[in-house]
Amino acid sequence: MNEPSWLVVRDAFRNAQEITPLPRMANIREILEKKRSDHIADGWAAEEIGRRCTFFFCSKDGTRVMVGIEKRDPANPTLGHGPPKSRL
């Protein structure tokens, strides 16, 4: 992808547990497959990555996470997704 993107691990409540910025033109499929392999090596049960998917789920000891590629910086929420503005 020729745009900013991040590899993000999220818990069941969609909280970011791990955020890794990716370089432009990164091979997304290769990065996901590597992360999946790393999780499996660490004892996680990881689902297959769909042909057109940019995420996968895995679980270990009752914990389930989603690992995926995101185009928006998870550290900086987009407009309209913050707390309500007070009206004066």
PDB file of N, CA and C in Angstrom:
ATOM      1  N   MET A   1       0.837  -1.181   0.000  1.00  0.00           N
ATOM      2  CA  MET A   1       0.000   0.000   0.000  1.00  0.00           C
ATOM      3  C   MET A   1       0.880   1.241   0.000  1.00  0.00           C
ATOM      4  N   ASN A   2       0.500   2.194  -0.790  1.00  0.00           N
ATOM      5  CA  ASN A   2       1.269   3.424  -0.871  1.00  0.00           C
ATOM      6  C   ASN A   2       0.629   4.525  -0.022  1.00  0.00           C
ATOM      7  N   GLU A   3       0.206   4.173   1.146  1.00  0.00           N
ATOM      8  CA  GLU A   3      -0.359   5.137   2.085  1.00  0.00           C
ATOM      9  C   GLU A   3      -0.018   4.677   3.496  1.00  0.00           C
ATOM     10  N   PRO A   4      -0.087   5.565   4.475  1.00  0.00           N
ATOM     11  CA  PRO A   4       0.238   5.146   5.844  1.00  0.00           C
ATOM     12  C   PRO A   4      -0.689   4.023   6.305  1.00  0.00           C
ATOM     13  N   SER A   5      -0.133   3.064   7.032  1.00  0.00           N
ATOM     14  CA  SER A   5      -0.928   1.974   7.588  1.00  0.00           C
ATOM     15  C   SER A   5      -0.241   1.439   8.837  1.00  0.00           C
ATOM     16  N   TRP A   6      -1.010   0.716   9.634  1.00  0.00           N
ATOM     17  CA  TRP A   6      -0.527   0.205  10.915  1.00  0.00           C
ATOM     18  C   TRP A   6      -0.968  -1.231  11.090  1.00  0.00           C
ATOM     19  N   LEU A   7      -0.102  -2.040  11.700  1.00  0.00           N
ATOM     20  CA  LEU A   7      -0.462  -3.391  12.125  1.00  0.00           C
ATOM     21  C   LEU A   7      -0.943  -3.240  13.566  1.00  0.00           C
ATOM     22  N   VAL A   8      -2.190  -3.636  13.825  1.00  0.00           N
ATOM     23  CA  VAL A   8      -2.801  -3.397  15.131  1.00  0.00           C
ATOM     24  C   VAL A   8      -3.367  -4.698  15.695  1.00  0.00           C
ATOM     25  N   VAL A   9      -3.084  -4.942  16.978  1.00  0.00           N
ATOM     26  CA  VAL A   9      -3.676  -6.057  17.704  1.00  0.00           C
ATOM     27  C   VAL A   9      -4.700  -5.455  18.653  1.00  0.00           C
ATOM     28  N   ARG A  10      -5.961  -5.909  18.545  1.00  0.00           N
ATOM     29  CA  ARG A  10      -7.044  -5.379  19.373  1.00  0.00           C
ATOM     30  C   ARG A  10      -7.681  -6.487  20.213  1.00  0.00           C
ATOM     31  N   ASP A  11      -8.091  -6.114  21.430  1.00  0.00           N
ATOM     32  CA  ASP A  11      -8.760  -7.071  22.304  1.00  0.00           C
ATOM     33  C   ASP A  11     -10.246  -7.151  21.944  1.00  0.00           C
ATOM     34  N   ALA A  12     -11.006  -7.903  22.726  1.00  0.00           N
ATOM     35  CA  ALA A  12     -12.426  -8.113  22.452  1.00  0.00           C
ATOM     36  C   ALA A  12     -13.246  -6.834  22.537  1.00  0.00           C
ATOM     37  N   PHE A  13     -12.719  -5.809  23.201  1.00  0.00           N
ATOM     38  CA  PHE A  13     -13.421  -4.538  23.323  1.00  0.00           C
ATOM     39  C   PHE A  13     -12.913  -3.502  22.321  1.00  0.00           C
ATOM     40  N   ARG A  14     -12.121  -3.958  21.365  1.00  0.00           N
ATOM     41  CA  ARG A  14     -11.529  -3.144  20.297  1.00  0.00           C
ATOM     42  C   ARG A  14     -10.469  -2.177  20.793  1.00  0.00           C
ATOM     43  N   ASN A  15      -9.952  -2.398  21.993  1.00  0.00           N
ATOM     44  CA  ASN A  15      -8.851  -1.582  22.504  1.00  0.00           C
ATOM     45  C   ASN A  15      -7.555  -2.039  21.850  1.00  0.00           C
ATOM     46  N   ALA A  16      -6.762  -1.089  21.377  1.00  0.00           N
ATOM     47  CA  ALA A  16      -5.481  -1.422  20.749  1.00  0.00           C
ATOM     48  C   ALA A  16      -4.506  -1.900  21.823  1.00  0.00           C
ATOM     49  N   GLN A  17      -3.997  -3.105  21.654  1.00  0.00           N
ATOM     50  CA  GLN A  17      -3.029  -3.689  22.571  1.00  0.00           C
ATOM     51  C   GLN A  17      -1.606  -3.519  22.051  1.00  0.00           C
ATOM     52  N   GLU A  18      -1.497  -3.430  20.742  1.00  0.00           N
ATOM     53  CA  GLU A  18      -0.186  -3.308  20.092  1.00  0.00           C
ATOM     54  C   GLU A  18      -0.378  -2.542  18.787  1.00  0.00           C
ATOM     55  N   ILE A  19       0.462  -1.546  18.549  1.00  0.00           N
ATOM     56  CA  ILE A  19       0.386  -0.734  17.325  1.00  0.00           C
ATOM     57  C   ILE A  19       1.774  -0.664  16.704  1.00  0.00           C
ATOM     58  N   THR A  20       1.876  -1.075  15.437  1.00  0.00           N
ATOM     59  CA  THR A  20       3.144  -1.032  14.729  1.00  0.00           C
ATOM     60  C   THR A  20       2.972  -0.266  13.421  1.00  0.00           C
ATOM     61  N   PRO A  21       3.603   0.909  13.288  1.00  0.00           N
ATOM     62  CA  PRO A  21       3.524   1.625  12.006  1.00  0.00           C
ATOM     63  C   PRO A  21       4.224   0.814  10.915  1.00  0.00           C
ATOM     64  N   LEU A  22       3.650   0.821   9.739  1.00  0.00           N
ATOM     65  CA  LEU A  22       4.230   0.075   8.617  1.00  0.00           C
ATOM     66  C   LEU A  22       4.783   1.049   7.582  1.00  0.00           C
ATOM     67  N   PRO A  23       5.859   0.662   6.933  1.00  0.00           N
ATOM     68  CA  PRO A  23       6.411   1.535   5.881  1.00  0.00           C
ATOM     69  C   PRO A  23       5.495   1.536   4.658  1.00  0.00           C
ATOM     70  N   ARG A  24       5.540   2.634   3.924  1.00  0.00           N
ATOM     71  CA  ARG A  24       4.776   2.678   2.671  1.00  0.00           C
ATOM     72  C   ARG A  24       5.282   1.570   1.748  1.00  0.00           C
ATOM     73  N   MET A  25       4.397   1.065   0.943  1.00  0.00           N
ATOM     74  CA  MET A  25       4.698  -0.002  -0.018  1.00  0.00           C
ATOM     75  C   MET A  25       5.038  -1.335   0.666  1.00  0.00           C
ATOM     76  N   ALA A  26       4.645  -1.473   1.924  1.00  0.00           N
ATOM     77  CA  ALA A  26       4.888  -2.734   2.635  1.00  0.00           C
ATOM     78  C   ALA A  26       4.029  -3.837   2.035  1.00  0.00           C
ATOM     79  N   ASN A  27       4.524  -5.057   2.082  1.00  0.00           N
ATOM     80  CA  ASN A  27       3.779  -6.217   1.608  1.00  0.00           C
ATOM     81  C   ASN A  27       2.837  -6.659   2.730  1.00  0.00           C
ATOM     82  N   ILE A  28       1.586  -6.246   2.630  1.00  0.00           N
ATOM     83  CA  ILE A  28       0.601  -6.479   3.684  1.00  0.00           C
ATOM     84  C   ILE A  28       0.404  -7.971   3.955  1.00  0.00           C
ATOM     85  N   ARG A  29       0.284  -8.759   2.921  1.00  0.00           N
ATOM     86  CA  ARG A  29       0.069 -10.203   3.085  1.00  0.00           C
ATOM     87  C   ARG A  29       1.245 -10.834   3.831  1.00  0.00           C
ATOM     88  N   GLU A  30       2.440 -10.457   3.460  1.00  0.00           N
ATOM     89  CA  GLU A  30       3.638 -10.997   4.106  1.00  0.00           C
ATOM     90  C   GLU A  30       3.679 -10.624   5.602  1.00  0.00           C
ATOM     91  N   ILE A  31       3.323  -9.383   5.907  1.00  0.00           N
ATOM     92  CA  ILE A  31       3.320  -8.924   7.299  1.00  0.00           C
ATOM     93  C   ILE A  31       2.280  -9.693   8.114  1.00  0.00           C
ATOM     94  N   LEU A  32       1.072  -9.859   7.565  1.00  0.00           N
ATOM     95  CA  LEU A  32       0.034 -10.607   8.281  1.00  0.00           C
ATOM     96  C   LEU A  32       0.423 -12.065   8.499  1.00  0.00           C
ATOM     97  N   GLU A  33       0.961 -12.699   7.463  1.00  0.00           N
ATOM     98  CA  GLU A  33       1.372 -14.103   7.586  1.00  0.00           C
ATOM     99  C   GLU A  33       2.467 -14.260   8.639  1.00  0.00           C
ATOM    100  N   LYS A  34       3.400 -13.320   8.688  1.00  0.00           N
ATOM    101  CA  LYS A  34       4.477 -13.371   9.686  1.00  0.00           C
ATOM    102  C   LYS A  34       3.911 -13.216  11.095  1.00  0.00           C
ATOM    103  N   LYS A  35       3.000 -12.255  11.269  1.00  0.00           N
ATOM    104  CA  LYS A  35       2.396 -12.036  12.585  1.00  0.00           C
ATOM    105  C   LYS A  35       1.585 -13.261  13.004  1.00  0.00           C
ATOM    106  N   ARG A  36       0.882 -13.862  12.069  1.00  0.00           N
ATOM    107  CA  ARG A  36       0.116 -15.076  12.359  1.00  0.00           C
ATOM    108  C   ARG A  36       1.052 -16.197  12.784  1.00  0.00           C
ATOM    109  N   SER A  37       2.130 -16.384  12.059  1.00  0.00           N
ATOM    110  CA  SER A  37       3.120 -17.414  12.400  1.00  0.00           C
ATOM    111  C   SER A  37       3.725 -17.163  13.778  1.00  0.00           C
ATOM    112  N   ASP A  38       4.007 -15.903  14.087  1.00  0.00           N
ATOM    113  CA  ASP A  38       4.552 -15.562  15.407  1.00  0.00           C
ATOM    114  C   ASP A  38       3.572 -15.915  16.515  1.00  0.00           C
ATOM    115  N   HIS A  39       2.298 -15.621  16.303  1.00  0.00           N
ATOM    116  CA  HIS A  39       1.287 -15.956  17.305  1.00  0.00           C
ATOM    117  C   HIS A  39       1.187 -17.475  17.492  1.00  0.00           C
ATOM    118  N   ILE A  40       1.174 -18.203  16.405  1.00  0.00           N
ATOM    119  CA  ILE A  40       1.093 -19.665  16.483  1.00  0.00           C
ATOM    120  C   ILE A  40       2.299 -20.214  17.235  1.00  0.00           C
ATOM    121  N   ALA A  41       3.481 -19.698  16.943  1.00  0.00           N
ATOM    122  CA  ALA A  41       4.697 -20.148  17.629  1.00  0.00           C
ATOM    123  C   ALA A  41       4.642 -19.854  19.125  1.00  0.00           C
ATOM    124  N   ASP A  42       3.862 -18.833  19.498  1.00  0.00           N
ATOM    125  CA  ASP A  42       3.730 -18.453  20.906  1.00  0.00           C
ATOM    126  C   ASP A  42       2.548 -19.172  21.581  1.00  0.00           C
ATOM    127  N   GLY A  43       1.957 -20.141  20.898  1.00  0.00           N
ATOM    128  CA  GLY A  43       0.903 -20.939  21.506  1.00  0.00           C
ATOM    129  C   GLY A  43      -0.518 -20.490  21.222  1.00  0.00           C
ATOM    130  N   TRP A  44      -0.693 -19.513  20.350  1.00  0.00           N
ATOM    131  CA  TRP A  44      -2.025 -19.045  19.999  1.00  0.00           C
ATOM    132  C   TRP A  44      -2.631 -19.943  18.923  1.00  0.00           C
ATOM    133  N   ALA A  45      -3.950 -20.099  18.938  1.00  0.00           N
ATOM    134  CA  ALA A  45      -4.684 -20.750  17.856  1.00  0.00           C
ATOM    135  C   ALA A  45      -5.131 -19.634  16.923  1.00  0.00           C
ATOM    136  N   ALA A  46      -4.620 -19.610  15.721  1.00  0.00           N
ATOM    137  CA  ALA A  46      -4.906 -18.522  14.783  1.00  0.00           C
ATOM    138  C   ALA A  46      -5.749 -19.012  13.617  1.00  0.00           C
ATOM    139  N   GLU A  47      -6.774 -18.236  13.289  1.00  0.00           N
ATOM    140  CA  GLU A  47      -7.617 -18.557  12.149  1.00  0.00           C
ATOM    141  C   GLU A  47      -6.864 -18.257  10.858  1.00  0.00           C
ATOM    142  N   GLU A  48      -7.319 -18.874   9.791  1.00  0.00           N
ATOM    143  CA  GLU A  48      -6.731 -18.600   8.480  1.00  0.00           C
ATOM    144  C   GLU A  48      -7.026 -17.156   8.069  1.00  0.00           C
ATOM    145  N   ILE A  49      -6.182 -16.603   7.237  1.00  0.00           N
ATOM    146  CA  ILE A  49      -6.396 -15.257   6.702  1.00  0.00           C
ATOM    147  C   ILE A  49      -7.089 -15.418   5.353  1.00  0.00           C
ATOM    148  N   GLY A  50      -8.257 -14.810   5.231  1.00  0.00           N
ATOM    149  CA  GLY A  50      -8.995 -14.895   3.972  1.00  0.00           C
ATOM    150  C   GLY A  50      -8.228 -14.272   2.819  1.00  0.00           C
ATOM    151  N   ARG A  51      -8.549 -14.705   1.619  1.00  0.00           N
ATOM    152  CA  ARG A  51      -7.842 -14.213   0.434  1.00  0.00           C
ATOM    153  C   ARG A  51      -7.910 -12.705   0.283  1.00  0.00           C
ATOM    154  N   ARG A  52      -9.025 -12.119   0.662  1.00  0.00           N
ATOM    155  CA  ARG A  52      -9.205 -10.674   0.492  1.00  0.00           C
ATOM    156  C   ARG A  52      -9.298  -9.944   1.832  1.00  0.00           C
ATOM    157  N   CYS A  53      -8.816 -10.585   2.874  1.00  0.00           N
ATOM    158  CA  CYS A  53      -8.883  -9.993   4.215  1.00  0.00           C
ATOM    159  C   CYS A  53      -7.561  -9.351   4.607  1.00  0.00           C
ATOM    160  N   THR A  54      -7.672  -8.354   5.468  1.00  0.00           N
ATOM    161  CA  THR A  54      -6.477  -7.708   6.015  1.00  0.00           C
ATOM    162  C   THR A  54      -6.462  -7.860   7.533  1.00  0.00           C
ATOM    163  N   PHE A  55      -7.051  -8.969   8.011  1.00  0.00           N
ATOM    164  CA  PHE A  55      -7.078  -9.234   9.448  1.00  0.00           C
ATOM    165  C   PHE A  55      -7.265 -10.727   9.685  1.00  0.00           C
ATOM    166  N   PHE A  56      -7.007 -11.139  10.935  1.00  0.00           N
ATOM    167  CA  PHE A  56      -7.326 -12.499  11.369  1.00  0.00           C
ATOM    168  C   PHE A  56      -7.563 -12.462  12.871  1.00  0.00           C
ATOM    169  N   PHE A  57      -8.216 -13.501  13.378  1.00  0.00           N
ATOM    170  CA  PHE A  57      -8.470 -13.630  14.806  1.00  0.00           C
ATOM    171  C   PHE A  57      -7.622 -14.761  15.352  1.00  0.00           C
ATOM    172  N   CYS A  58      -7.231 -14.646  16.614  1.00  0.00           N
ATOM    173  CA  CYS A  58      -6.541 -15.741  17.277  1.00  0.00           C
ATOM    174  C   CYS A  58      -6.918 -15.744  18.754  1.00  0.00           C
ATOM    175  N   SER A  59      -6.737 -16.903  19.386  1.00  0.00           N
ATOM    176  CA  SER A  59      -7.115 -17.029  20.790  1.00  0.00           C
ATOM    177  C   SER A  59      -6.106 -17.890  21.537  1.00  0.00           C
ATOM    178  N   LYS A  60      -6.065 -17.620  22.854  1.00  0.00           N
ATOM    179  CA  LYS A  60      -5.157 -18.350  23.738  1.00  0.00           C
ATOM    180  C   LYS A  60      -5.658 -18.172  25.169  1.00  0.00           C
ATOM    181  N   ASP A  61      -5.817 -19.276  25.880  1.00  0.00           N
ATOM    182  CA  ASP A  61      -6.207 -19.241  27.292  1.00  0.00           C
ATOM    183  C   ASP A  61      -7.431 -18.359  27.541  1.00  0.00           C
ATOM    184  N   GLY A  62      -8.433 -18.451  26.681  1.00  0.00           N
ATOM    185  CA  GLY A  62      -9.662 -17.693  26.868  1.00  0.00           C
ATOM    186  C   GLY A  62      -9.611 -16.251  26.386  1.00  0.00           C
ATOM    187  N   THR A  63      -8.491 -15.843  25.834  1.00  0.00           N
ATOM    188  CA  THR A  63      -8.350 -14.484  25.306  1.00  0.00           C
ATOM    189  C   THR A  63      -8.405 -14.540  23.784  1.00  0.00           C
ATOM    190  N   ARG A  64      -9.214 -13.668  23.198  1.00  0.00           N
ATOM    191  CA  ARG A  64      -9.331 -13.606  21.740  1.00  0.00           C
ATOM    192  C   ARG A  64      -8.930 -12.202  21.295  1.00  0.00           C
ATOM    193  N   VAL A  65      -8.103 -12.128  20.267  1.00  0.00           N
ATOM    194  CA  VAL A  65      -7.677 -10.846  19.718  1.00  0.00           C
ATOM    195  C   VAL A  65      -7.868 -10.836  18.211  1.00  0.00           C
ATOM    196  N   MET A  66      -7.936  -9.624  17.681  1.00  0.00           N
ATOM    197  CA  MET A  66      -7.981  -9.435  16.241  1.00  0.00           C
ATOM    198  C   MET A  66      -6.682  -8.749  15.846  1.00  0.00           C
ATOM    199  N   VAL A  67      -6.035  -9.267  14.828  1.00  0.00           N
ATOM    200  CA  VAL A  67      -4.800  -8.688  14.304  1.00  0.00           C
ATOM    201  C   VAL A  67      -5.113  -8.215  12.893  1.00  0.00           C
ATOM    202  N   GLY A  68      -4.851  -6.938  12.620  1.00  0.00           N
ATOM    203  CA  GLY A  68      -5.197  -6.442  11.305  1.00  0.00           C
ATOM    204  C   GLY A  68      -4.408  -5.227  10.878  1.00  0.00           C
ATOM    205  N   ILE A  69      -4.557  -4.910   9.609  1.00  0.00           N
ATOM    206  CA  ILE A  69      -3.933  -3.734   9.022  1.00  0.00           C
ATOM    207  C   ILE A  69      -4.986  -2.630   9.005  1.00  0.00           C
ATOM    208  N   GLU A  70      -4.620  -1.456   9.508  1.00  0.00           N
ATOM    209  CA  GLU A  70      -5.549  -0.332   9.548  1.00  0.00           C
ATOM    210  C   GLU A  70      -4.949   0.862   8.815  1.00  0.00           C
ATOM    211  N   LYS A  71      -5.817   1.601   8.139  1.00  0.00           N
ATOM    212  CA  LYS A  71      -5.379   2.769   7.367  1.00  0.00           C
ATOM    213  C   LYS A  71      -5.440   4.057   8.174  1.00  0.00           C
ATOM    214  N   ARG A  72      -6.077   4.017   9.340  1.00  0.00           N
ATOM    215  CA  ARG A  72      -6.142   5.203  10.202  1.00  0.00           C
ATOM    216  C   ARG A  72      -5.288   4.963  11.422  1.00  0.00           C
ATOM    217  N   ASP A  73      -4.566   5.987  11.832  1.00  0.00           N
ATOM    218  CA  ASP A  73      -3.672   5.877  12.982  1.00  0.00           C
ATOM    219  C   ASP A  73      -4.496   5.596  14.241  1.00  0.00           C
ATOM    220  N   PRO A  74      -4.349   4.417  14.844  1.00  0.00           N
ATOM    221  CA  PRO A  74      -5.122   4.077  16.035  1.00  0.00           C
ATOM    222  C   PRO A  74      -4.793   4.969  17.230  1.00  0.00           C
ATOM    223  N   ALA A  75      -3.646   5.615  17.217  1.00  0.00           N
ATOM    224  CA  ALA A  75      -3.257   6.483  18.323  1.00  0.00           C
ATOM    225  C   ALA A  75      -3.928   7.856  18.229  1.00  0.00           C
ATOM    226  N   ASN A  76      -4.482   8.191  17.077  1.00  0.00           N
ATOM    227  CA  ASN A  76      -5.154   9.483  16.866  1.00  0.00           C
ATOM    228  C   ASN A  76      -6.538   9.228  16.283  1.00  0.00           C
ATOM    229  N   PRO A  77      -7.567   9.108  17.144  1.00  0.00           N
ATOM    230  CA  PRO A  77      -8.920   8.835  16.638  1.00  0.00           C
ATOM    231  C   PRO A  77      -9.361   9.877  15.618  1.00  0.00           C
ATOM    232  N   THR A  78     -10.176   9.437  14.687  1.00  0.00           N
ATOM    233  CA  THR A  78     -10.656  10.334  13.642  1.00  0.00           C
ATOM    234  C   THR A  78     -11.715  11.280  14.189  1.00  0.00           C
ATOM    235  N   LEU A  79     -11.978  12.338  13.456  1.00  0.00           N
ATOM    236  CA  LEU A  79     -12.993  13.310  13.861  1.00  0.00           C
ATOM    237  C   LEU A  79     -14.343  12.621  14.021  1.00  0.00           C
ATOM    238  N   GLY A  80     -15.083  13.071  15.014  1.00  0.00           N
ATOM    239  CA  GLY A  80     -16.415  12.530  15.225  1.00  0.00           C
ATOM    240  C   GLY A  80     -16.448  11.287  16.087  1.00  0.00           C
ATOM    241  N   HIS A  81     -15.307  10.833  16.552  1.00  0.00           N
ATOM    242  CA  HIS A  81     -15.287   9.633  17.349  1.00  0.00           C
ATOM    243  C   HIS A  81     -14.833   9.885  18.790  1.00  0.00           C
ATOM    244  N   GLY A  82     -14.817  11.124  19.190  1.00  0.00           N
ATOM    245  CA  GLY A  82     -14.418  11.481  20.548  1.00  0.00           C
ATOM    246  C   GLY A  82     -15.626  11.697  21.426  1.00  0.00           C
ATOM    247  N   PRO A  83     -15.406  12.203  22.624  1.00  0.00           N
ATOM    248  CA  PRO A  83     -16.521  12.464  23.518  1.00  0.00           C
ATOM    249  C   PRO A  83     -17.400  13.582  22.966  1.00  0.00           C
ATOM    250  N   PRO A  84     -18.664  13.623  23.375  1.00  0.00           N
ATOM    251  CA  PRO A  84     -19.564  14.671  22.876  1.00  0.00           C
ATOM    252  C   PRO A  84     -19.053  16.061  23.264  1.00  0.00           C
ATOM    253  N   LYS A  85     -19.262  17.011  22.371  1.00  0.00           N
ATOM    254  CA  LYS A  85     -18.867  18.391  22.648  1.00  0.00           C
ATOM    255  C   LYS A  85     -19.936  19.032  23.524  1.00  0.00           C
ATOM    256  N   SER A  86     -19.503  19.845  24.457  1.00  0.00           N
ATOM    257  CA  SER A  86     -20.464  20.544  25.304  1.00  0.00           C
ATOM    258  C   SER A  86     -21.059  21.706  24.515  1.00  0.00           C
ATOM    259  N   ARG A  87     -22.332  21.988  24.758  1.00  0.00           N
ATOM    260  CA  ARG A  87     -22.995  23.101  24.090  1.00  0.00           C
ATOM    261  C   ARG A  87     -23.105  24.256  25.054  1.00  0.00           C
ATOM    262  N   LEU A  88     -22.662  25.401  24.607  1.00  0.00           N
ATOM    263  CA  LEU A  88     -22.721  26.600  25.449  1.00  0.00           C
ATOM    264  C   LEU A  88     -23.710  27.585  24.897  1.00  0.00           C
TER     265      LEU A  88
END
